[in-house]
Amino acid sequence: MTEPKRIIVRATTTETGDLHLDNAGYSLLFGIPETDLIVGEEHSADRWRAAARRIKEAEAHGSGKGLGAVLAYYADVERDGAELVLLERDDQDAAHDA
């Protein structure tokens, strides 16, 4: 039996409440190859519109609500049944604990 393919996505919530994904996450969210992304770049309005459309589309197909569910849906559908591993880090909590 072979191990399922896994896609690891790192998500960080900053001290100001902004959510940042790594390139694997943005690739799933925007529906573009990771090679089209540059770390730290500002994403265009077209990409954010594509993300909004893809979120609605995934939810309409029963992905469930929430970003994790949407990314898991696209990992499965577009990446040959890959399993999503979502690693979440909350810099807000870390700042309050310090």
Foldseek 3Di string as FASTA:
>chain_A
DDDAAEDEKEWEQALVRDIDIPLLLLCLQQVHDSVVDDPPDDDDPNSVVSNVVQQVVQVVVPQDDDSVSSSQSSCCVVVVHHGYDYHYYYNNVVVVVD
